[in-house]
Amino acid sequence: MSAAKASPKPRAPSWNKGDDIKLKSLFDDPDGVDPEIEGTQANIEEVRAKHFSHIPYRNFRTLWLKKSAQYIVDGSLSGANNSGKFSAKLFEYSYYHYFA
């Protein structure tokens, strides 16, 4: 008698290029999502439920922190290149998201 194998657990949908584009457009839109909102569970869950309900919270939280920090740093760097100044936000977000 052979033991019945359990069916594999269904995988969560993965983040794709379309999701990247959608998140960036939400960041760019003045009425969209603020990438600088606090990274609290309630704030992140609200964005996830409204715009990315197909991605589980656990996966989305990690992506949110990385993508929002990247968006802010990229904006700071592009502003620094145009004005010759370097934004303090770059250091603030780098420290918060990568070293804290």
PDB file of N, CA and C in Angstrom:
ATOM      1  N   MET A   1       0.824  -1.166   0.000  1.00  0.00           N
ATOM      2  CA  MET A   1       0.000   0.000   0.000  1.00  0.00           C
ATOM      3  C   MET A   1       0.883   1.250   0.000  1.00  0.00           C
ATOM      4  N   SER A   2       0.612   2.150  -0.883  1.00  0.00           N
ATOM      5  CA  SER A   2       1.418   3.365  -0.931  1.00  0.00           C
ATOM      6  C   SER A   2       0.678   4.507  -0.246  1.00  0.00           C
ATOM      7  N   ALA A   3       1.460   5.331   0.411  1.00  0.00           N
ATOM      8  CA  ALA A   3       0.866   6.479   1.106  1.00  0.00           C
ATOM      9  C   ALA A   3       0.499   7.541   0.075  1.00  0.00           C
ATOM     10  N   ALA A   4      -0.644   8.128   0.265  1.00  0.00           N
ATOM     11  CA  ALA A   4      -1.089   9.177  -0.648  1.00  0.00           C
ATOM     12  C   ALA A   4      -0.273  10.444  -0.401  1.00  0.00           C
ATOM     13  N   LYS A   5       0.195  11.019  -1.471  1.00  0.00           N
ATOM     14  CA  LYS A   5       0.967  12.247  -1.343  1.00  0.00           C
ATOM     15  C   LYS A   5       0.013  13.430  -1.205  1.00  0.00           C
ATOM     16  N   ALA A   6       0.395  14.317  -0.338  1.00  0.00           N
ATOM     17  CA  ALA A   6      -0.407  15.530  -0.167  1.00  0.00           C
ATOM     18  C   ALA A   6      -0.164  16.436  -1.367  1.00  0.00           C
ATOM     19  N   SER A   7      -1.227  17.064  -1.804  1.00  0.00           N
ATOM     20  CA  SER A   7      -1.060  17.965  -2.948  1.00  0.00           C
ATOM     21  C   SER A   7      -0.237  19.175  -2.505  1.00  0.00           C
ATOM     22  N   PRO A   8       0.585  19.694  -3.408  1.00  0.00           N
ATOM     23  CA  PRO A   8       1.432  20.826  -3.031  1.00  0.00           C
ATOM     24  C   PRO A   8       0.594  22.061  -2.696  1.00  0.00           C
ATOM     25  N   LYS A   9       1.111  22.833  -1.763  1.00  0.00           N
ATOM     26  CA  LYS A   9       0.433  24.052  -1.338  1.00  0.00           C
ATOM     27  C   LYS A   9       0.461  25.053  -2.497  1.00  0.00           C
ATOM     28  N   PRO A  10      -0.682  25.672  -2.815  1.00  0.00           N
ATOM     29  CA  PRO A  10      -0.680  26.633  -3.922  1.00  0.00           C
ATOM     30  C   PRO A  10       0.225  27.821  -3.609  1.00  0.00           C
ATOM     31  N   ARG A  11       0.953  28.257  -4.611  1.00  0.00           N
ATOM     32  CA  ARG A  11       1.881  29.373  -4.442  1.00  0.00           C
ATOM     33  C   ARG A  11       1.143  30.698  -4.555  1.00  0.00           C
ATOM     34  N   ALA A  12       1.635  31.644  -3.809  1.00  0.00           N
ATOM     35  CA  ALA A  12       1.080  32.995  -3.886  1.00  0.00           C
ATOM     36  C   ALA A  12       1.478  33.602  -5.228  1.00  0.00           C
ATOM     37  N   PRO A  13       0.619  34.433  -5.808  1.00  0.00           N
ATOM     38  CA  PRO A  13       0.985  35.081  -7.064  1.00  0.00           C
ATOM     39  C   PRO A  13       2.242  35.921  -6.866  1.00  0.00           C
ATOM     40  N   SER A  14       3.096  35.901  -7.869  1.00  0.00           N
ATOM     41  CA  SER A  14       4.324  36.659  -7.721  1.00  0.00           C
ATOM     42  C   SER A  14       4.175  38.073  -8.267  1.00  0.00           C
ATOM     43  N   TRP A  15       5.032  38.931  -7.791  1.00  0.00           N
ATOM     44  CA  TRP A  15       5.097  40.325  -8.213  1.00  0.00           C
ATOM     45  C   TRP A  15       5.636  40.334  -9.627  1.00  0.00           C
ATOM     46  N   ASN A  16       5.038  41.117 -10.492  1.00  0.00           N
ATOM     47  CA  ASN A  16       5.495  41.128 -11.880  1.00  0.00           C
ATOM     48  C   ASN A  16       5.744  42.555 -12.358  1.00  0.00           C
ATOM     49  N   LYS A  17       6.188  42.685 -13.571  1.00  0.00           N
ATOM     50  CA  LYS A  17       6.524  43.987 -14.155  1.00  0.00           C
ATOM     51  C   LYS A  17       5.297  44.911 -14.169  1.00  0.00           C
ATOM     52  N   GLY A  18       4.123  44.372 -14.439  1.00  0.00           N
ATOM     53  CA  GLY A  18       2.897  45.167 -14.432  1.00  0.00           C
ATOM     54  C   GLY A  18       2.616  45.763 -13.063  1.00  0.00           C
ATOM     55  N   ASP A  19       2.891  44.977 -11.994  1.00  0.00           N
ATOM     56  CA  ASP A  19       2.711  45.485 -10.635  1.00  0.00           C
ATOM     57  C   ASP A  19       3.704  46.613 -10.342  1.00  0.00           C
ATOM     58  N   ASP A  20       4.931  46.468 -10.841  1.00  0.00           N
ATOM     59  CA  ASP A  20       5.940  47.530 -10.682  1.00  0.00           C
ATOM     60  C   ASP A  20       5.463  48.829 -11.327  1.00  0.00           C
ATOM     61  N   ILE A  21       4.955  48.712 -12.536  1.00  0.00           N
ATOM     62  CA  ILE A  21       4.481  49.891 -13.275  1.00  0.00           C
ATOM     63  C   ILE A  21       3.298  50.529 -12.544  1.00  0.00           C
ATOM     64  N   LYS A  22       2.382  49.690 -12.056  1.00  0.00           N
ATOM     65  CA  LYS A  22       1.208  50.195 -11.342  1.00  0.00           C
ATOM     66  C   LYS A  22       1.618  50.926 -10.055  1.00  0.00           C
ATOM     67  N   LEU A  23       2.554  50.352  -9.298  1.00  0.00           N
ATOM     68  CA  LEU A  23       2.992  50.981  -8.063  1.00  0.00           C
ATOM     69  C   LEU A  23       3.697  52.306  -8.347  1.00  0.00           C
ATOM     70  N   LYS A  24       4.542  52.339  -9.369  1.00  0.00           N
ATOM     71  CA  LYS A  24       5.233  53.582  -9.721  1.00  0.00           C
ATOM     72  C   LYS A  24       4.226  54.647 -10.151  1.00  0.00           C
ATOM     73  N   SER A  25       3.214  54.264 -10.916  1.00  0.00           N
ATOM     74  CA  SER A  25       2.209  55.245 -11.328  1.00  0.00           C
ATOM     75  C   SER A  25       1.408  55.746 -10.130  1.00  0.00           C
ATOM     76  N   LEU A  26       1.179  54.884  -9.126  1.00  0.00           N
ATOM     77  CA  LEU A  26       0.507  55.326  -7.897  1.00  0.00           C
ATOM     78  C   LEU A  26       1.381  56.309  -7.122  1.00  0.00           C
ATOM     79  N   PHE A  27       2.683  56.087  -7.113  1.00  0.00           N
ATOM     80  CA  PHE A  27       3.607  57.011  -6.462  1.00  0.00           C
ATOM     81  C   PHE A  27       3.652  58.346  -7.203  1.00  0.00           C
ATOM     82  N   ASP A  28       3.646  58.309  -8.532  1.00  0.00           N
ATOM     83  CA  ASP A  28       3.750  59.517  -9.352  1.00  0.00           C
ATOM     84  C   ASP A  28       2.481  60.365  -9.325  1.00  0.00           C
ATOM     85  N   ASP A  29       1.341  59.722  -9.169  1.00  0.00           N
ATOM     86  CA  ASP A  29       0.048  60.418  -9.193  1.00  0.00           C
ATOM     87  C   ASP A  29      -0.148  61.215  -7.905  1.00  0.00           C
ATOM     88  N   PRO A  30      -0.423  62.529  -8.001  1.00  0.00           N
ATOM     89  CA  PRO A  30      -0.640  63.331  -6.786  1.00  0.00           C
ATOM     90  C   PRO A  30      -1.808  62.823  -5.931  1.00  0.00           C
ATOM     91  N   ASP A  31      -2.798  62.193  -6.561  1.00  0.00           N
ATOM     92  CA  ASP A  31      -3.925  61.627  -5.822  1.00  0.00           C
ATOM     93  C   ASP A  31      -3.728  60.147  -5.523  1.00  0.00           C
ATOM     94  N   GLY A  32      -2.546  59.639  -5.817  1.00  0.00           N
ATOM     95  CA  GLY A  32      -2.263  58.220  -5.623  1.00  0.00           C
ATOM     96  C   GLY A  32      -1.787  57.919  -4.211  1.00  0.00           C
ATOM     97  N   VAL A  33      -0.738  57.131  -4.117  1.00  0.00           N
ATOM     98  CA  VAL A  33      -0.211  56.659  -2.844  1.00  0.00           C
ATOM     99  C   VAL A  33       1.066  57.428  -2.515  1.00  0.00           C
ATOM    100  N   ASP A  34       1.193  57.850  -1.275  1.00  0.00           N
ATOM    101  CA  ASP A  34       2.392  58.560  -0.824  1.00  0.00           C
ATOM    102  C   ASP A  34       3.454  57.534  -0.438  1.00  0.00           C
ATOM    103  N   PRO A  35       4.604  57.512  -1.124  1.00  0.00           N
ATOM    104  CA  PRO A  35       5.634  56.526  -0.778  1.00  0.00           C
ATOM    105  C   PRO A  35       6.271  56.793   0.587  1.00  0.00           C
ATOM    106  N   GLU A  36       6.020  57.977   1.146  1.00  0.00           N
ATOM    107  CA  GLU A  36       6.625  58.330   2.429  1.00  0.00           C
ATOM    108  C   GLU A  36       5.725  58.057   3.621  1.00  0.00           C
ATOM    109  N   ILE A  37       4.569  57.385   3.406  1.00  0.00           N
ATOM    110  CA  ILE A  37       3.714  57.074   4.556  1.00  0.00           C
ATOM    111  C   ILE A  37       4.455  56.122   5.479  1.00  0.00           C
ATOM    112  N   GLU A  38       4.081  56.170   6.732  1.00  0.00           N
ATOM    113  CA  GLU A  38       4.726  55.288   7.693  1.00  0.00           C
ATOM    114  C   GLU A  38       4.504  53.838   7.269  1.00  0.00           C
ATOM    115  N   GLY A  39       5.501  53.033   7.481  1.00  0.00           N
ATOM    116  CA  GLY A  39       5.417  51.632   7.114  1.00  0.00           C
ATOM    117  C   GLY A  39       4.709  50.784   8.146  1.00  0.00           C
ATOM    118  N   THR A  40       3.609  51.296   8.700  1.00  0.00           N
ATOM    119  CA  THR A  40       2.865  50.522   9.689  1.00  0.00           C
ATOM    120  C   THR A  40       1.993  49.493   8.974  1.00  0.00           C
ATOM    121  N   GLN A  41       1.615  48.486   9.702  1.00  0.00           N
ATOM    122  CA  GLN A  41       0.812  47.416   9.107  1.00  0.00           C
ATOM    123  C   GLN A  41      -0.498  47.954   8.551  1.00  0.00           C
ATOM    124  N   ALA A  42      -1.153  48.851   9.268  1.00  0.00           N
ATOM    125  CA  ALA A  42      -2.448  49.374   8.810  1.00  0.00           C
ATOM    126  C   ALA A  42      -2.304  50.147   7.509  1.00  0.00           C
ATOM    127  N   ASN A  43      -1.280  50.986   7.388  1.00  0.00           N
ATOM    128  CA  ASN A  43      -1.075  51.767   6.167  1.00  0.00           C
ATOM    129  C   ASN A  43      -0.746  50.877   4.974  1.00  0.00           C
ATOM    130  N   ILE A  44       0.152  49.941   5.193  1.00  0.00           N
ATOM    131  CA  ILE A  44       0.550  49.049   4.094  1.00  0.00           C
ATOM    132  C   ILE A  44      -0.606  48.148   3.701  1.00  0.00           C
ATOM    133  N   GLU A  45      -1.355  47.644   4.672  1.00  0.00           N
ATOM    134  CA  GLU A  45      -2.495  46.769   4.383  1.00  0.00           C
ATOM    135  C   GLU A  45      -3.565  47.515   3.598  1.00  0.00           C
ATOM    136  N   GLU A  46      -3.776  48.786   3.907  1.00  0.00           N
ATOM    137  CA  GLU A  46      -4.768  49.576   3.183  1.00  0.00           C
ATOM    138  C   GLU A  46      -4.396  49.688   1.698  1.00  0.00           C
ATOM    139  N   VAL A  47      -3.139  49.973   1.413  1.00  0.00           N
ATOM    140  CA  VAL A  47      -2.675  50.070   0.018  1.00  0.00           C
ATOM    141  C   VAL A  47      -2.780  48.713  -0.665  1.00  0.00           C
ATOM    142  N   ARG A  48      -2.355  47.665   0.030  1.00  0.00           N
ATOM    143  CA  ARG A  48      -2.389  46.316  -0.549  1.00  0.00           C
ATOM    144  C   ARG A  48      -3.811  45.896  -0.874  1.00  0.00           C
ATOM    145  N   ALA A  49      -4.728  46.086   0.068  1.00  0.00           N
ATOM    146  CA  ALA A  49      -6.113  45.657  -0.136  1.00  0.00           C
ATOM    147  C   ALA A  49      -6.775  46.421  -1.281  1.00  0.00           C
ATOM    148  N   LYS A  50      -6.449  47.695  -1.411  1.00  0.00           N
ATOM    149  CA  LYS A  50      -7.087  48.522  -2.432  1.00  0.00           C
ATOM    150  C   LYS A  50      -6.511  48.285  -3.828  1.00  0.00           C
ATOM    151  N   HIS A  51      -5.198  48.103  -3.928  1.00  0.00           N
ATOM    152  CA  HIS A  51      -4.561  48.063  -5.245  1.00  0.00           C
ATOM    153  C   HIS A  51      -3.894  46.733  -5.609  1.00  0.00           C
ATOM    154  N   PHE A  52      -3.490  45.934  -4.618  1.00  0.00           N
ATOM    155  CA  PHE A  52      -2.743  44.705  -4.896  1.00  0.00           C
ATOM    156  C   PHE A  52      -3.281  43.539  -4.072  1.00  0.00           C
ATOM    157  N   SER A  53      -4.581  43.350  -4.096  1.00  0.00           N
ATOM    158  CA  SER A  53      -5.203  42.334  -3.242  1.00  0.00           C
ATOM    159  C   SER A  53      -4.761  40.912  -3.598  1.00  0.00           C
ATOM    160  N   HIS A  54      -4.192  40.717  -4.779  1.00  0.00           N
ATOM    161  CA  HIS A  54      -3.752  39.379  -5.172  1.00  0.00           C
ATOM    162  C   HIS A  54      -2.415  38.985  -4.537  1.00  0.00           C
ATOM    163  N   ILE A  55      -1.721  39.942  -3.906  1.00  0.00           N
ATOM    164  CA  ILE A  55      -0.441  39.664  -3.260  1.00  0.00           C
ATOM    165  C   ILE A  55      -0.674  39.555  -1.749  1.00  0.00           C
ATOM    166  N   PRO A  56      -0.213  38.484  -1.107  1.00  0.00           N
ATOM    167  CA  PRO A  56      -0.382  38.346   0.344  1.00  0.00           C
ATOM    168  C   PRO A  56       0.357  39.469   1.095  1.00  0.00           C
ATOM    169  N   TYR A  57      -0.174  39.834   2.242  1.00  0.00           N
ATOM    170  CA  TYR A  57       0.398  40.941   3.023  1.00  0.00           C
ATOM    171  C   TYR A  57       1.880  40.724   3.311  1.00  0.00           C
ATOM    172  N   ARG A  58       2.230  39.539   3.729  1.00  0.00           N
ATOM    173  CA  ARG A  58       3.622  39.249   4.100  1.00  0.00           C
ATOM    174  C   ARG A  58       4.583  39.554   2.950  1.00  0.00           C
ATOM    175  N   ASN A  59       4.200  39.181   1.752  1.00  0.00           N
ATOM    176  CA  ASN A  59       5.036  39.448   0.580  1.00  0.00           C
ATOM    177  C   ASN A  59       4.998  40.930   0.217  1.00  0.00           C
ATOM    178  N   PHE A  60       3.823  41.527   0.311  1.00  0.00           N
ATOM    179  CA  PHE A  60       3.671  42.924  -0.106  1.00  0.00           C
ATOM    180  C   PHE A  60       4.430  43.869   0.811  1.00  0.00           C
ATOM    181  N   ARG A  61       4.452  43.602   2.104  1.00  0.00           N
ATOM    182  CA  ARG A  61       5.143  44.479   3.051  1.00  0.00           C
ATOM    183  C   ARG A  61       6.612  44.610   2.689  1.00  0.00           C
ATOM    184  N   THR A  62       7.275  43.512   2.414  1.00  0.00           N
ATOM    185  CA  THR A  62       8.682  43.535   2.034  1.00  0.00           C
ATOM    186  C   THR A  62       8.872  44.320   0.747  1.00  0.00           C
ATOM    187  N   LEU A  63       8.022  44.056  -0.236  1.00  0.00           N
ATOM    188  CA  LEU A  63       8.110  44.776  -1.506  1.00  0.00           C
ATOM    189  C   LEU A  63       7.854  46.267  -1.321  1.00  0.00           C
ATOM    190  N   TRP A  64       6.855  46.611  -0.507  1.00  0.00           N
ATOM    191  CA  TRP A  64       6.523  48.022  -0.270  1.00  0.00           C
ATOM    192  C   TRP A  64       7.729  48.771   0.301  1.00  0.00           C
ATOM    193  N   LEU A  65       8.348  48.206   1.324  1.00  0.00           N
ATOM    194  CA  LEU A  65       9.475  48.882   1.962  1.00  0.00           C
ATOM    195  C   LEU A  65      10.625  49.094   0.978  1.00  0.00           C
ATOM    196  N   LYS A  66      10.911  48.085   0.174  1.00  0.00           N
ATOM    197  CA  LYS A  66      11.996  48.215  -0.807  1.00  0.00           C
ATOM    198  C   LYS A  66      11.653  49.202  -1.916  1.00  0.00           C
ATOM    199  N   LYS A  67      10.456  49.077  -2.479  1.00  0.00           N
ATOM    200  CA  LYS A  67      10.070  49.906  -3.629  1.00  0.00           C
ATOM    201  C   LYS A  67       9.871  51.366  -3.238  1.00  0.00           C
ATOM    202  N   SER A  68       9.274  51.621  -2.080  1.00  0.00           N
ATOM    203  CA  SER A  68       9.066  53.012  -1.677  1.00  0.00           C
ATOM    204  C   SER A  68      10.402  53.676  -1.353  1.00  0.00           C
ATOM    205  N   ALA A  69      11.297  52.955  -0.684  1.00  0.00           N
ATOM    206  CA  ALA A  69      12.621  53.515  -0.389  1.00  0.00           C
ATOM    207  C   ALA A  69      13.386  53.784  -1.683  1.00  0.00           C
ATOM    208  N   GLN A  70      13.297  52.856  -2.623  1.00  0.00           N
ATOM    209  CA  GLN A  70      13.982  53.030  -3.909  1.00  0.00           C
ATOM    210  C   GLN A  70      13.427  54.239  -4.651  1.00  0.00           C
ATOM    211  N   TYR A  71      12.120  54.410  -4.636  1.00  0.00           N
ATOM    212  CA  TYR A  71      11.486  55.544  -5.317  1.00  0.00           C
ATOM    213  C   TYR A  71      11.954  56.865  -4.702  1.00  0.00           C
ATOM    214  N   ILE A  72      12.000  56.926  -3.383  1.00  0.00           N
ATOM    215  CA  ILE A  72      12.411  58.147  -2.691  1.00  0.00           C
ATOM    216  C   ILE A  72      13.886  58.443  -2.948  1.00  0.00           C
ATOM    217  N   VAL A  73      14.722  57.432  -2.878  1.00  0.00           N
ATOM    218  CA  VAL A  73      16.154  57.628  -3.118  1.00  0.00           C
ATOM    219  C   VAL A  73      16.397  58.048  -4.563  1.00  0.00           C
ATOM    220  N   ASP A  74      15.720  57.402  -5.509  1.00  0.00           N
ATOM    221  CA  ASP A  74      15.880  57.781  -6.917  1.00  0.00           C
ATOM    222  C   ASP A  74      15.468  59.226  -7.142  1.00  0.00           C
ATOM    223  N   GLY A  75      14.383  59.651  -6.507  1.00  0.00           N
ATOM    224  CA  GLY A  75      13.949  61.039  -6.620  1.00  0.00           C
ATOM    225  C   GLY A  75      14.956  61.994  -6.018  1.00  0.00           C
ATOM    226  N   SER A  76      15.545  61.603  -4.894  1.00  0.00           N
ATOM    227  CA  SER A  76      16.557  62.442  -4.258  1.00  0.00           C
ATOM    228  C   SER A  76      17.795  62.558  -5.131  1.00  0.00           C
ATOM    229  N   LEU A  77      18.192  61.456  -5.725  1.00  0.00           N
ATOM    230  CA  LEU A  77      19.383  61.483  -6.576  1.00  0.00           C
ATOM    231  C   LEU A  77      19.150  62.290  -7.841  1.00  0.00           C
ATOM    232  N   SER A  78      17.970  62.171  -8.441  1.00  0.00           N
ATOM    233  CA  SER A  78      17.712  62.941  -9.659  1.00  0.00           C
ATOM    234  C   SER A  78      17.638  64.424  -9.337  1.00  0.00           C
ATOM    235  N   GLY A  79      17.089  64.778  -8.184  1.00  0.00           N
ATOM    236  CA  GLY A  79      17.062  66.171  -7.760  1.00  0.00           C
ATOM    237  C   GLY A  79      18.456  66.682  -7.459  1.00  0.00           C
ATOM    238  N   ALA A  80      19.307  65.817  -6.891  1.00  0.00           N
ATOM    239  CA  ALA A  80      20.678  66.206  -6.574  1.00  0.00           C
ATOM    240  C   ALA A  80      21.461  66.461  -7.856  1.00  0.00           C
ATOM    241  N   ASN A  81      21.215  65.652  -8.860  1.00  0.00           N
ATOM    242  CA  ASN A  81      21.922  65.834 -10.126  1.00  0.00           C
ATOM    243  C   ASN A  81      21.508  67.131 -10.808  1.00  0.00           C
ATOM    244  N   ASN A  82      20.241  67.513 -10.667  1.00  0.00           N
ATOM    245  CA  ASN A  82      19.750  68.723 -11.328  1.00  0.00           C
ATOM    246  C   ASN A  82      20.156  69.990 -10.595  1.00  0.00           C
ATOM    247  N   SER A  83      20.217  69.932  -9.269  1.00  0.00           N
ATOM    248  CA  SER A  83      20.459  71.159  -8.512  1.00  0.00           C
ATOM    249  C   SER A  83      21.875  71.264  -7.967  1.00  0.00           C
ATOM    250  N   GLY A  84      22.635  70.196  -8.050  1.00  0.00           N
ATOM    251  CA  GLY A  84      23.983  70.214  -7.495  1.00  0.00           C
ATOM    252  C   GLY A  84      23.995  69.993  -5.992  1.00  0.00           C
ATOM    253  N   LYS A  85      22.837  69.745  -5.385  1.00  0.00           N
ATOM    254  CA  LYS A  85      22.749  69.511  -3.950  1.00  0.00           C
ATOM    255  C   LYS A  85      22.341  68.062  -3.701  1.00  0.00           C
ATOM    256  N   PHE A  86      22.665  67.600  -2.526  1.00  0.00           N
ATOM    257  CA  PHE A  86      22.326  66.228  -2.157  1.00  0.00           C
ATOM    258  C   PHE A  86      21.285  66.266  -1.061  1.00  0.00           C
ATOM    259  N   SER A  87      20.205  65.544  -1.236  1.00  0.00           N
ATOM    260  CA  SER A  87      19.093  65.586  -0.285  1.00  0.00           C
ATOM    261  C   SER A  87      19.402  64.798   0.990  1.00  0.00           C
ATOM    262  N   ALA A  88      19.009  65.357   2.119  1.00  0.00           N
ATOM    263  CA  ALA A  88      19.161  64.664   3.400  1.00  0.00           C
ATOM    264  C   ALA A  88      18.210  63.481   3.483  1.00  0.00           C
ATOM    265  N   LYS A  89      17.130  63.502   2.698  1.00  0.00           N
ATOM    266  CA  LYS A  89      16.183  62.377   2.704  1.00  0.00           C
ATOM    267  C   LYS A  89      16.875  61.084   2.284  1.00  0.00           C
ATOM    268  N   LEU A  90      17.848  61.180   1.405  1.00  0.00           N
ATOM    269  CA  LEU A  90      18.580  59.996   0.970  1.00  0.00           C
ATOM    270  C   LEU A  90      19.183  59.296   2.180  1.00  0.00           C
ATOM    271  N   PHE A  91      19.840  60.051   3.035  1.00  0.00           N
ATOM    272  CA  PHE A  91      20.461  59.450   4.203  1.00  0.00           C
ATOM    273  C   PHE A  91      19.413  58.954   5.190  1.00  0.00           C
ATOM    274  N   GLU A  92      18.358  59.715   5.379  1.00  0.00           N
ATOM    275  CA  GLU A  92      17.295  59.341   6.304  1.00  0.00           C
ATOM    276  C   GLU A  92      16.665  58.012   5.892  1.00  0.00           C
ATOM    277  N   TYR A  93      16.290  57.873   4.631  1.00  0.00           N
ATOM    278  CA  TYR A  93      15.643  56.651   4.177  1.00  0.00           C
ATOM    279  C   TYR A  93      16.613  55.494   4.052  1.00  0.00           C
ATOM    280  N   SER A  94      17.841  55.775   3.672  1.00  0.00           N
ATOM    281  CA  SER A  94      18.829  54.702   3.601  1.00  0.00           C
ATOM    282  C   SER A  94      19.036  54.094   4.979  1.00  0.00           C
ATOM    283  N   TYR A  95      19.175  54.944   5.966  1.00  0.00           N
ATOM    284  CA  TYR A  95      19.377  54.447   7.312  1.00  0.00           C
ATOM    285  C   TYR A  95      18.159  53.688   7.800  1.00  0.00           C
ATOM    286  N   TYR A  96      16.976  54.278   7.642  1.00  0.00           N
ATOM    287  CA  TYR A  96      15.763  53.665   8.170  1.00  0.00           C
ATOM    288  C   TYR A  96      15.482  52.310   7.534  1.00  0.00           C
ATOM    289  N   HIS A  97      15.581  52.232   6.210  1.00  0.00           N
ATOM    290  CA  HIS A  97      15.170  51.009   5.514  1.00  0.00           C
ATOM    291  C   HIS A  97      16.257  49.948   5.433  1.00  0.00           C
ATOM    292  N   TYR A  98      17.500  50.337   5.543  1.00  0.00           N
ATOM    293  CA  TYR A  98      18.549  49.339   5.346  1.00  0.00           C
ATOM    294  C   TYR A  98      19.359  49.029   6.595  1.00  0.00           C
ATOM    295  N   PHE A  99      19.421  49.945   7.541  1.00  0.00           N
ATOM    296  CA  PHE A  99      20.266  49.714   8.703  1.00  0.00           C
ATOM    297  C   PHE A  99      19.506  49.585  10.008  1.00  0.00           C
ATOM    298  N   ALA A 100      18.274  50.039  10.054  1.00  0.00           N
ATOM    299  CA  ALA A 100      17.517  49.986  11.313  1.00  0.00           C
ATOM    300  C   ALA A 100      16.933  48.612  11.542  1.00  0.00           C
TER     301      ALA A 100
END
